[in-house]
Amino acid sequence: MDRQTTGSISTLIGGILAALIVFIGFNSFIIINPGQAGVLSILGKAQDGALLEGIHFKPPLVSTVDIYDVTVQKFEVPAQSSTKDLQELTASFAINFRLDPVQVVNIRRTQGTLQNIVAKIIAPQTQESFKIAAARRTVEEAITQRNELKDDFDNALNGRLEKYGIIVLDTSVVDLTFSPEFAKAVEDKQIAEQRAQRAVYVAKEAEQQAQADINRAKGKAEAQRLLAETLKAQGGDLVLKKEAIEAWKEGGAQMPKVLVMGGDNNGGGIPFLFNLNELER
């Protein structure tokens, strides 16, 4: 083999070695970005200690790094339960959570992917926590005491998920529904209450109207009593004459059809009524 051929082979081998060194060098380090945590596995075995943000060494060719998103995640989870009065109650919860970066190694060993965490941990624990909260109250209390229901649910869920390395940041009740039978009962109750309120209103209105009639009757009786006393008193005939003149004027200043005549000046005599209509006939 001549010197030129030997040199070409040496150059090729050198190039291969250089490429291999570069490849191994690039695969010997891993960069963990903010909001991430990594789990180093060597020959398929997860190593203790999570890889937090920054650059980390990893054995080339025999190791892998699983990256987990530890920022806030949001999932909507349905739940169903029976209340204290054995009514069916269905809810949907929006759960904001994140993975504890320190515990991602244990999460990797026990649960694996984020999808497994939601399906195998968060969903069933949400169901159990809702059962605990709903069983403490009736369906009507669950509706009227919605904040208290959520507090009981939050306390139960936080305690259950914390041991799995899942930190619950916030929950909200997206939807809360109950059985059609209870919905019909609530509607009937509201209708009955409205009718009862209407009946009370009508009764009060009738009572007020009756009282007004009584007051008007008392006022009219009192007026008649005062008029009778006036007529009996001295000068009562002047009152009658005054009313006759006023009635005459209100009638268009026409000649009255009935004249009151007779009686003495002291008002003790009996007046004589003279009907002018008789003359016209």
C-alpha atoms as a PDB file:
ATOM      1  CA  MET A   1       0.000   0.000   0.000  1.00  0.00           C
ATOM      2  CA  ASP A   2       1.535   3.274  -1.059  1.00  0.00           C
ATOM      3  CA  ARG A   3       1.936   6.335   1.089  1.00  0.00           C
ATOM      4  CA  GLN A   4      -0.926   8.237  -0.611  1.00  0.00           C
ATOM      5  CA  THR A   5      -3.450   5.470   0.052  1.00  0.00           C
ATOM      6  CA  THR A   6      -2.340   5.188   3.643  1.00  0.00           C
ATOM      7  CA  GLY A   7      -2.784   8.922   4.087  1.00  0.00           C
ATOM      8  CA  SER A   8      -6.321   8.815   2.675  1.00  0.00           C
ATOM      9  CA  ILE A   9      -7.321   6.026   5.039  1.00  0.00           C
ATOM     10  CA  SER A  10      -5.839   7.903   7.970  1.00  0.00           C
ATOM     11  CA  THR A  11      -7.748  11.014   6.998  1.00  0.00           C
ATOM     12  CA  LEU A  12     -11.004   9.064   6.711  1.00  0.00           C
ATOM     13  CA  ILE A  13     -10.510   7.413  10.073  1.00  0.00           C
ATOM     14  CA  GLY A  14      -9.646  10.761  11.591  1.00  0.00           C
ATOM     15  CA  GLY A  15     -12.810  12.280  10.170  1.00  0.00           C
ATOM     16  CA  ILE A  16     -14.916   9.422  11.507  1.00  0.00           C
ATOM     17  CA  LEU A  17     -13.363   9.736  14.941  1.00  0.00           C
ATOM     18  CA  ALA A  18     -13.894  13.486  14.927  1.00  0.00           C
ATOM     19  CA  ALA A  19     -17.551  13.069  13.929  1.00  0.00           C
ATOM     20  CA  LEU A  20     -17.986  10.416  16.600  1.00  0.00           C
ATOM     21  CA  ILE A  21     -16.445  12.684  19.217  1.00  0.00           C
ATOM     22  CA  VAL A  22     -18.728  15.548  18.172  1.00  0.00           C
ATOM     23  CA  PHE A  23     -21.762  13.243  18.231  1.00  0.00           C
ATOM     24  CA  ILE A  24     -20.863  11.889  21.659  1.00  0.00           C
ATOM     25  CA  GLY A  25     -20.181  15.402  22.887  1.00  0.00           C
ATOM     26  CA  PHE A  26     -23.580  16.676  21.780  1.00  0.00           C
ATOM     27  CA  ASN A  27     -25.309  13.667  23.336  1.00  0.00           C
ATOM     28  CA  SER A  28     -23.486  13.966  26.641  1.00  0.00           C
ATOM     29  CA  PHE A  29     -25.414  17.034  27.778  1.00  0.00           C
ATOM     30  CA  ILE A  30     -29.081  17.974  28.117  1.00  0.00           C
ATOM     31  CA  ILE A  31     -30.544  21.440  28.572  1.00  0.00           C
ATOM     32  CA  ILE A  32     -33.644  21.772  30.775  1.00  0.00           C
ATOM     33  CA  ASN A  33     -35.595  24.936  30.008  1.00  0.00           C
ATOM     34  CA  PRO A  34     -37.591  27.003  32.536  1.00  0.00           C
ATOM     35  CA  GLY A  35     -40.960  25.385  33.232  1.00  0.00           C
ATOM     36  CA  GLN A  36     -39.527  21.910  32.678  1.00  0.00           C
ATOM     37  CA  ALA A  37     -38.091  19.094  34.765  1.00  0.00           C
ATOM     38  CA  GLY A  38     -36.259  16.036  33.509  1.00  0.00           C
ATOM     39  CA  VAL A  39     -35.838  12.425  34.602  1.00  0.00           C
ATOM     40  CA  LEU A  40     -32.563  10.706  33.640  1.00  0.00           C
ATOM     41  CA  SER A  41     -32.776   7.006  32.798  1.00  0.00           C
ATOM     42  CA  ILE A  42     -29.646   4.891  32.260  1.00  0.00           C
ATOM     43  CA  LEU A  43     -30.200   1.583  30.520  1.00  0.00           C
ATOM     44  CA  GLY A  44     -33.907   1.963  31.205  1.00  0.00           C
ATOM     45  CA  LYS A  45     -33.629   2.674  34.948  1.00  0.00           C
ATOM     46  CA  ALA A  46     -34.798   6.040  36.249  1.00  0.00           C
ATOM     47  CA  GLN A  47     -32.135   7.762  38.324  1.00  0.00           C
ATOM     48  CA  ASP A  48     -32.855   9.568  41.572  1.00  0.00           C
ATOM     49  CA  GLY A  49     -32.869  13.344  41.524  1.00  0.00           C
ATOM     50  CA  ALA A  50     -34.864  15.414  39.071  1.00  0.00           C
ATOM     51  CA  LEU A  51     -33.039  17.471  36.462  1.00  0.00           C
ATOM     52  CA  LEU A  52     -34.139  21.076  36.962  1.00  0.00           C
ATOM     53  CA  GLU A  53     -33.596  23.988  34.583  1.00  0.00           C
ATOM     54  CA  GLY A  54     -30.031  24.339  33.321  1.00  0.00           C
ATOM     55  CA  ILE A  55     -27.460  22.101  31.586  1.00  0.00           C
ATOM     56  CA  HIS A  56     -26.825  18.561  32.809  1.00  0.00           C
ATOM     57  CA  PHE A  57     -24.456  15.738  31.872  1.00  0.00           C
ATOM     58  CA  LYS A  58     -25.879  12.428  30.749  1.00  0.00           C
ATOM     59  CA  PRO A  59     -24.002   9.298  29.712  1.00  0.00           C
ATOM     60  CA  PRO A  60     -24.034   9.121  25.904  1.00  0.00           C
ATOM     61  CA  LEU A  61     -25.649   6.291  23.981  1.00  0.00           C
ATOM     62  CA  VAL A  62     -26.953   4.469  27.082  1.00  0.00           C
ATOM     63  CA  SER A  63     -29.190   7.131  28.632  1.00  0.00           C
ATOM     64  CA  THR A  64     -32.391   9.024  27.891  1.00  0.00           C
ATOM     65  CA  VAL A  65     -34.073  12.012  29.524  1.00  0.00           C
ATOM     66  CA  ASP A  66     -37.855  12.336  29.864  1.00  0.00           C
ATOM     67  CA  ILE A  67     -38.986  15.956  29.954  1.00  0.00           C
ATOM     68  CA  TYR A  68     -42.031  16.986  31.989  1.00  0.00           C
ATOM     69  CA  ASP A  69     -43.918  20.259  31.711  1.00  0.00           C
ATOM     70  CA  VAL A  70     -44.228  21.645  35.251  1.00  0.00           C
ATOM     71  CA  THR A  71     -46.119  24.800  34.291  1.00  0.00           C
ATOM     72  CA  VAL A  72     -49.817  25.206  35.109  1.00  0.00           C
ATOM     73  CA  GLN A  73     -52.046  22.686  33.372  1.00  0.00           C
ATOM     74  CA  LYS A  74     -55.829  22.854  33.048  1.00  0.00           C
ATOM     75  CA  PHE A  75     -58.238  19.995  32.545  1.00  0.00           C
ATOM     76  CA  GLU A  76     -62.022  19.782  32.811  1.00  0.00           C
ATOM     77  CA  VAL A  77     -63.131  16.686  34.682  1.00  0.00           C
ATOM     78  CA  PRO A  78     -66.752  15.443  35.060  1.00  0.00           C
ATOM     79  CA  ALA A  79     -68.046  13.943  38.306  1.00  0.00           C
ATOM     80  CA  GLN A  80     -71.281  12.442  39.560  1.00  0.00           C
ATOM     81  CA  SER A  81     -72.564  11.642  43.033  1.00  0.00           C
ATOM     82  CA  SER A  82     -75.605  11.151  45.253  1.00  0.00           C
ATOM     83  CA  THR A  83     -76.483  13.802  47.821  1.00  0.00           C
ATOM     84  CA  LYS A  84     -77.523  13.259  51.447  1.00  0.00           C
ATOM     85  CA  ASP A  85     -81.164  13.050  50.368  1.00  0.00           C
ATOM     86  CA  LEU A  86     -80.270  10.466  47.664  1.00  0.00           C
ATOM     87  CA  GLN A  87     -80.653  12.843  44.720  1.00  0.00           C
ATOM     88  CA  GLU A  88     -78.374  12.506  41.699  1.00  0.00           C
ATOM     89  CA  LEU A  89     -76.018  15.457  41.267  1.00  0.00           C
ATOM     90  CA  THR A  90     -73.708  15.922  38.293  1.00  0.00           C
ATOM     91  CA  ALA A  91     -70.887  18.437  38.076  1.00  0.00           C
ATOM     92  CA  SER A  92     -68.001  19.412  35.864  1.00  0.00           C
ATOM     93  CA  PHE A  93     -64.833  20.846  37.421  1.00  0.00           C
ATOM     94  CA  ALA A  94     -62.075  22.875  35.777  1.00  0.00           C
ATOM     95  CA  ILE A  95     -58.874  21.977  37.631  1.00  0.00           C
ATOM     96  CA  ASN A  96     -55.691  24.027  37.418  1.00  0.00           C
ATOM     97  CA  PHE A  97     -52.650  22.084  38.642  1.00  0.00           C
ATOM     98  CA  ARG A  98     -48.969  21.561  38.097  1.00  0.00           C
ATOM     99  CA  LEU A  99     -46.502  18.779  38.759  1.00  0.00           C
ATOM    100  CA  ASP A 100     -44.091  19.114  41.655  1.00  0.00           C
ATOM    101  CA  PRO A 101     -40.666  19.320  39.945  1.00  0.00           C
ATOM    102  CA  VAL A 102     -38.967  17.596  42.865  1.00  0.00           C
ATOM    103  CA  GLN A 103     -41.237  14.573  42.549  1.00  0.00           C
ATOM    104  CA  VAL A 104     -41.121  14.026  38.778  1.00  0.00           C
ATOM    105  CA  VAL A 105     -38.853  10.988  39.219  1.00  0.00           C
ATOM    106  CA  ASN A 106     -41.500   9.268  41.319  1.00  0.00           C
ATOM    107  CA  ILE A 107     -44.160  10.389  38.833  1.00  0.00           C
ATOM    108  CA  ARG A 108     -42.097   8.865  36.023  1.00  0.00           C
ATOM    109  CA  ARG A 109     -41.764   5.591  37.890  1.00  0.00           C
ATOM    110  CA  THR A 110     -45.413   5.271  38.946  1.00  0.00           C
ATOM    111  CA  GLN A 111     -47.498   7.080  36.339  1.00  0.00           C
ATOM    112  CA  GLY A 112     -45.413   7.760  33.285  1.00  0.00           C
ATOM    113  CA  THR A 113     -46.952  10.362  30.991  1.00  0.00           C
ATOM    114  CA  LEU A 114     -49.117  13.383  31.744  1.00  0.00           C
ATOM    115  CA  GLN A 115     -52.039  11.676  30.003  1.00  0.00           C
ATOM    116  CA  ASN A 116     -51.761   8.761  32.429  1.00  0.00           C
ATOM    117  CA  ILE A 117     -51.699  11.194  35.345  1.00  0.00           C
ATOM    118  CA  VAL A 118     -54.967  12.792  34.238  1.00  0.00           C
ATOM    119  CA  ALA A 119     -56.713   9.527  33.380  1.00  0.00           C
ATOM    120  CA  LYS A 120     -55.482   7.372  36.274  1.00  0.00           C
ATOM    121  CA  ILE A 121     -55.066   9.889  39.099  1.00  0.00           C
ATOM    122  CA  ILE A 122     -56.814  13.218  38.629  1.00  0.00           C
ATOM    123  CA  ALA A 123     -60.091  11.951  37.115  1.00  0.00           C
ATOM    124  CA  PRO A 124     -60.843   9.214  39.704  1.00  0.00           C
ATOM    125  CA  GLN A 125     -59.703  11.355  42.642  1.00  0.00           C
ATOM    126  CA  THR A 126     -61.952  14.173  41.409  1.00  0.00           C
ATOM    127  CA  GLN A 127     -64.862  11.742  41.410  1.00  0.00           C
ATOM    128  CA  GLU A 128     -64.126  10.560  44.959  1.00  0.00           C
ATOM    129  CA  SER A 129     -63.643  14.100  46.268  1.00  0.00           C
ATOM    130  CA  PHE A 130     -66.956  15.187  44.774  1.00  0.00           C
ATOM    131  CA  LYS A 131     -68.702  12.234  46.447  1.00  0.00           C
ATOM    132  CA  ILE A 132     -67.317  13.356  49.810  1.00  0.00           C
ATOM    133  CA  ALA A 133     -68.488  16.956  49.313  1.00  0.00           C
ATOM    134  CA  ALA A 134     -71.919  16.061  47.899  1.00  0.00           C
ATOM    135  CA  ALA A 135     -72.756  13.476  50.570  1.00  0.00           C
ATOM    136  CA  ARG A 136     -72.573  16.134  53.298  1.00  0.00           C
ATOM    137  CA  ARG A 137     -75.600  18.093  52.060  1.00  0.00           C
ATOM    138  CA  THR A 138     -78.925  17.776  50.310  1.00  0.00           C
ATOM    139  CA  VAL A 139     -79.270  18.617  46.644  1.00  0.00           C
ATOM    140  CA  GLU A 140     -80.970  21.902  47.523  1.00  0.00           C
ATOM    141  CA  GLU A 141     -78.109  22.776  49.896  1.00  0.00           C
ATOM    142  CA  ALA A 142     -75.593  21.845  47.196  1.00  0.00           C
ATOM    143  CA  ILE A 143     -77.199  24.434  44.933  1.00  0.00           C
ATOM    144  CA  THR A 144     -77.709  27.177  47.520  1.00  0.00           C
ATOM    145  CA  GLN A 145     -74.365  26.529  49.284  1.00  0.00           C
ATOM    146  CA  ARG A 146     -72.225  26.247  46.183  1.00  0.00           C
ATOM    147  CA  ASN A 147     -69.173  27.928  47.726  1.00  0.00           C
ATOM    148  CA  GLU A 148     -69.227  25.584  50.722  1.00  0.00           C
ATOM    149  CA  LEU A 149     -69.547  22.609  48.362  1.00  0.00           C
ATOM    150  CA  LYS A 150     -66.486  23.797  46.430  1.00  0.00           C
ATOM    151  CA  ASP A 151     -64.479  24.291  49.652  1.00  0.00           C
ATOM    152  CA  ASP A 152     -65.190  20.726  50.778  1.00  0.00           C
ATOM    153  CA  PHE A 153     -64.293  19.463  47.316  1.00  0.00           C
ATOM    154  CA  ASP A 154     -61.027  21.433  47.248  1.00  0.00           C
ATOM    155  CA  ASN A 155     -59.928  20.170  50.659  1.00  0.00           C
ATOM    156  CA  ALA A 156     -60.616  16.561  49.734  1.00  0.00           C
ATOM    157  CA  LEU A 157     -58.928  16.830  46.319  1.00  0.00           C
ATOM    158  CA  ASN A 158     -55.810  18.614  47.597  1.00  0.00           C
ATOM    159  CA  GLY A 159     -55.225  15.946  50.220  1.00  0.00           C
ATOM    160  CA  ARG A 160     -55.623  13.144  47.712  1.00  0.00           C
ATOM    161  CA  LEU A 161     -53.447  14.542  44.904  1.00  0.00           C
ATOM    162  CA  GLU A 162     -50.623  15.953  47.026  1.00  0.00           C
ATOM    163  CA  LYS A 163     -49.185  12.510  47.715  1.00  0.00           C
ATOM    164  CA  TYR A 164     -48.883  11.917  43.957  1.00  0.00           C
ATOM    165  CA  GLY A 165     -46.773  15.022  43.422  1.00  0.00           C
ATOM    166  CA  ILE A 166     -49.687  16.965  41.934  1.00  0.00           C
ATOM    167  CA  ILE A 167     -50.204  20.493  43.250  1.00  0.00           C
ATOM    168  CA  VAL A 168     -53.756  21.817  42.842  1.00  0.00           C
ATOM    169  CA  LEU A 169     -53.737  25.577  42.294  1.00  0.00           C
ATOM    170  CA  ASP A 170     -57.425  26.263  41.756  1.00  0.00           C
ATOM    171  CA  THR A 171     -60.721  24.598  40.921  1.00  0.00           C
ATOM    172  CA  SER A 172     -63.987  25.970  39.618  1.00  0.00           C
ATOM    173  CA  VAL A 173     -67.431  24.460  39.163  1.00  0.00           C
ATOM    174  CA  VAL A 174     -68.125  24.748  35.458  1.00  0.00           C
ATOM    175  CA  ASP A 175     -71.533  23.073  35.566  1.00  0.00           C
ATOM    176  CA  LEU A 176     -73.818  21.725  38.277  1.00  0.00           C
ATOM    177  CA  THR A 177     -76.959  19.850  37.280  1.00  0.00           C
ATOM    178  CA  PHE A 178     -79.489  17.661  39.051  1.00  0.00           C
ATOM    179  CA  SER A 179     -82.052  15.046  38.103  1.00  0.00           C
ATOM    180  CA  PRO A 180     -85.128  15.960  35.994  1.00  0.00           C
ATOM    181  CA  GLU A 181     -87.349  14.840  38.894  1.00  0.00           C
ATOM    182  CA  PHE A 182     -85.777  17.348  41.244  1.00  0.00           C
ATOM    183  CA  ALA A 183     -85.892  20.061  38.577  1.00  0.00           C
ATOM    184  CA  LYS A 184     -89.657  19.441  38.244  1.00  0.00           C
ATOM    185  CA  ALA A 185     -90.053  19.555  42.030  1.00  0.00           C
ATOM    186  CA  VAL A 186     -88.195  22.884  42.187  1.00  0.00           C
ATOM    187  CA  GLU A 187     -90.366  24.292  39.405  1.00  0.00           C
ATOM    188  CA  ASP A 188     -93.564  23.145  41.166  1.00  0.00           C
ATOM    189  CA  LYS A 189     -92.345  24.651  44.427  1.00  0.00           C
ATOM    190  CA  GLN A 190     -91.621  27.985  42.767  1.00  0.00           C
ATOM    191  CA  ILE A 191     -95.075  27.999  41.144  1.00  0.00           C
ATOM    192  CA  ALA A 192     -96.722  27.198  44.490  1.00  0.00           C
ATOM    193  CA  GLU A 193     -94.771  29.974  46.207  1.00  0.00           C
ATOM    194  CA  GLN A 194     -95.768  32.450  43.508  1.00  0.00           C
ATOM    195  CA  ARG A 195     -99.405  31.456  43.864  1.00  0.00           C
ATOM    196  CA  ALA A 196     -99.209  31.778  47.637  1.00  0.00           C
ATOM    197  CA  GLN A 197     -97.662  35.217  47.317  1.00  0.00           C
ATOM    198  CA  ARG A 198    -100.410  36.199  44.864  1.00  0.00           C
ATOM    199  CA  ALA A 199    -103.083  34.940  47.282  1.00  0.00           C
ATOM    200  CA  VAL A 200    -101.555  36.966  50.116  1.00  0.00           C
ATOM    201  CA  TYR A 201    -101.487  40.043  47.899  1.00  0.00           C
ATOM    202  CA  VAL A 202    -105.135  39.595  46.876  1.00  0.00           C
ATOM    203  CA  ALA A 203    -106.169  39.055  50.517  1.00  0.00           C
ATOM    204  CA  LYS A 204    -104.352  42.203  51.617  1.00  0.00           C
ATOM    205  CA  GLU A 205    -105.872  44.152  48.743  1.00  0.00           C
ATOM    206  CA  ALA A 206    -109.369  42.945  49.707  1.00  0.00           C
ATOM    207  CA  GLU A 207    -108.729  43.798  53.343  1.00  0.00           C
ATOM    208  CA  GLN A 208    -107.585  47.289  52.404  1.00  0.00           C
ATOM    209  CA  GLN A 209    -110.636  47.748  50.169  1.00  0.00           C
ATOM    210  CA  ALA A 210    -112.968  46.593  52.957  1.00  0.00           C
ATOM    211  CA  GLN A 211    -111.309  48.953  55.406  1.00  0.00           C
ATOM    212  CA  ALA A 212    -111.685  51.790  52.908  1.00  0.00           C
ATOM    213  CA  ASP A 213    -115.392  50.986  52.549  1.00  0.00           C
ATOM    214  CA  ILE A 214    -115.773  50.988  56.326  1.00  0.00           C
ATOM    215  CA  ASN A 215    -113.979  54.308  56.582  1.00  0.00           C
ATOM    216  CA  ARG A 216    -116.186  55.796  53.860  1.00  0.00           C
ATOM    217  CA  ALA A 217    -119.311  54.492  55.579  1.00  0.00           C
ATOM    218  CA  LYS A 218    -118.184  55.914  58.921  1.00  0.00           C
ATOM    219  CA  GLY A 219    -117.426  59.229  57.269  1.00  0.00           C
ATOM    220  CA  LYS A 220    -120.819  59.344  55.580  1.00  0.00           C
ATOM    221  CA  ALA A 221    -122.599  58.434  58.832  1.00  0.00           C
ATOM    222  CA  GLU A 222    -120.660  61.093  60.675  1.00  0.00           C
ATOM    223  CA  ALA A 223    -121.542  63.663  58.030  1.00  0.00           C
ATOM    224  CA  GLN A 224    -125.214  62.759  58.256  1.00  0.00           C
ATOM    225  CA  ARG A 225    -125.088  62.975  62.048  1.00  0.00           C
ATOM    226  CA  LEU A 226    -123.513  66.416  61.909  1.00  0.00           C
ATOM    227  CA  LEU A 227    -126.084  67.539  59.325  1.00  0.00           C
ATOM    228  CA  ALA A 228    -128.939  66.295  61.509  1.00  0.00           C
ATOM    229  CA  GLU A 229    -127.555  68.134  64.491  1.00  0.00           C
ATOM    230  CA  THR A 230    -127.205  71.271  62.385  1.00  0.00           C
ATOM    231  CA  LEU A 231    -130.782  71.074  61.199  1.00  0.00           C
ATOM    232  CA  LYS A 232    -132.061  70.558  64.729  1.00  0.00           C
ATOM    233  CA  ALA A 233    -130.113  73.502  66.029  1.00  0.00           C
ATOM    234  CA  GLN A 234    -131.253  77.128  65.762  1.00  0.00           C
ATOM    235  CA  GLY A 235    -130.950  78.384  62.199  1.00  0.00           C
ATOM    236  CA  GLY A 236    -131.350  74.964  60.624  1.00  0.00           C
ATOM    237  CA  ASP A 237    -133.945  76.313  58.194  1.00  0.00           C
ATOM    238  CA  LEU A 238    -131.342  78.705  56.854  1.00  0.00           C
ATOM    239  CA  VAL A 239    -129.153  75.743  55.987  1.00  0.00           C
ATOM    240  CA  LEU A 240    -131.961  74.174  54.002  1.00  0.00           C
ATOM    241  CA  LYS A 241    -132.658  77.424  52.192  1.00  0.00           C
ATOM    242  CA  LYS A 242    -128.962  77.833  51.407  1.00  0.00           C
ATOM    243  CA  GLU A 243    -128.765  74.314  49.962  1.00  0.00           C
ATOM    244  CA  ALA A 244    -131.893  74.935  47.925  1.00  0.00           C
ATOM    245  CA  ILE A 245    -130.367  78.093  46.435  1.00  0.00           C
ATOM    246  CA  GLU A 246    -127.115  76.264  45.644  1.00  0.00           C
ATOM    247  CA  ALA A 247    -129.037  73.414  44.017  1.00  0.00           C
ATOM    248  CA  TRP A 248    -130.980  75.979  42.018  1.00  0.00           C
ATOM    249  CA  LYS A 249    -127.750  77.563  40.774  1.00  0.00           C
ATOM    250  CA  GLU A 250    -126.183  74.218  39.907  1.00  0.00           C
ATOM    251  CA  GLY A 251    -129.272  73.361  37.893  1.00  0.00           C
ATOM    252  CA  GLY A 252    -128.638  76.276  35.564  1.00  0.00           C
ATOM    253  CA  ALA A 253    -130.443  78.993  37.546  1.00  0.00           C
ATOM    254  CA  GLN A 254    -133.802  77.529  36.466  1.00  0.00           C
ATOM    255  CA  MET A 255    -136.904  77.830  38.527  1.00  0.00           C
ATOM    256  CA  PRO A 256    -136.883  74.956  41.041  1.00  0.00           C
ATOM    257  CA  LYS A 257    -139.514  72.339  40.556  1.00  0.00           C
ATOM    258  CA  VAL A 258    -140.130  72.039  44.302  1.00  0.00           C
ATOM    259  CA  LEU A 259    -140.589  74.937  46.687  1.00  0.00           C
ATOM    260  CA  VAL A 260    -140.471  74.634  50.430  1.00  0.00           C
ATOM    261  CA  MET A 261    -143.078  76.864  52.018  1.00  0.00           C
ATOM    262  CA  GLY A 262    -144.565  77.286  55.417  1.00  0.00           C
ATOM    263  CA  GLY A 263    -143.156  76.862  58.868  1.00  0.00           C
ATOM    264  CA  ASP A 264    -142.666  79.614  61.410  1.00  0.00           C
ATOM    265  CA  ASN A 265    -139.580  81.699  61.822  1.00  0.00           C
ATOM    266  CA  ASN A 266    -138.384  79.680  64.778  1.00  0.00           C
ATOM    267  CA  GLY A 267    -138.061  76.556  62.690  1.00  0.00           C
ATOM    268  CA  GLY A 268    -140.571  74.630  64.766  1.00  0.00           C
ATOM    269  CA  GLY A 269    -143.259  74.331  62.065  1.00  0.00           C
ATOM    270  CA  ILE A 270    -143.595  71.638  59.415  1.00  0.00           C
ATOM    271  CA  PRO A 271    -142.535  72.877  55.974  1.00  0.00           C
ATOM    272  CA  PHE A 272    -144.896  72.597  52.995  1.00  0.00           C
ATOM    273  CA  LEU A 273    -143.514  71.142  49.737  1.00  0.00           C
ATOM    274  CA  PHE A 274    -145.051  72.628  46.583  1.00  0.00           C
ATOM    275  CA  ASN A 275    -144.303  70.781  43.305  1.00  0.00           C
ATOM    276  CA  LEU A 276    -144.400  73.107  40.290  1.00  0.00           C
ATOM    277  CA  ASN A 277    -144.623  70.187  37.915  1.00  0.00           C
ATOM    278  CA  GLU A 278    -148.252  69.864  38.938  1.00  0.00           C
ATOM    279  CA  LEU A 279    -148.985  73.330  37.543  1.00  0.00           C
ATOM    280  CA  GLU A 280    -147.467  72.467  34.181  1.00  0.00           C
ATOM    281  CA  ARG A 281    -149.792  69.538  33.865  1.00  0.00           C
END
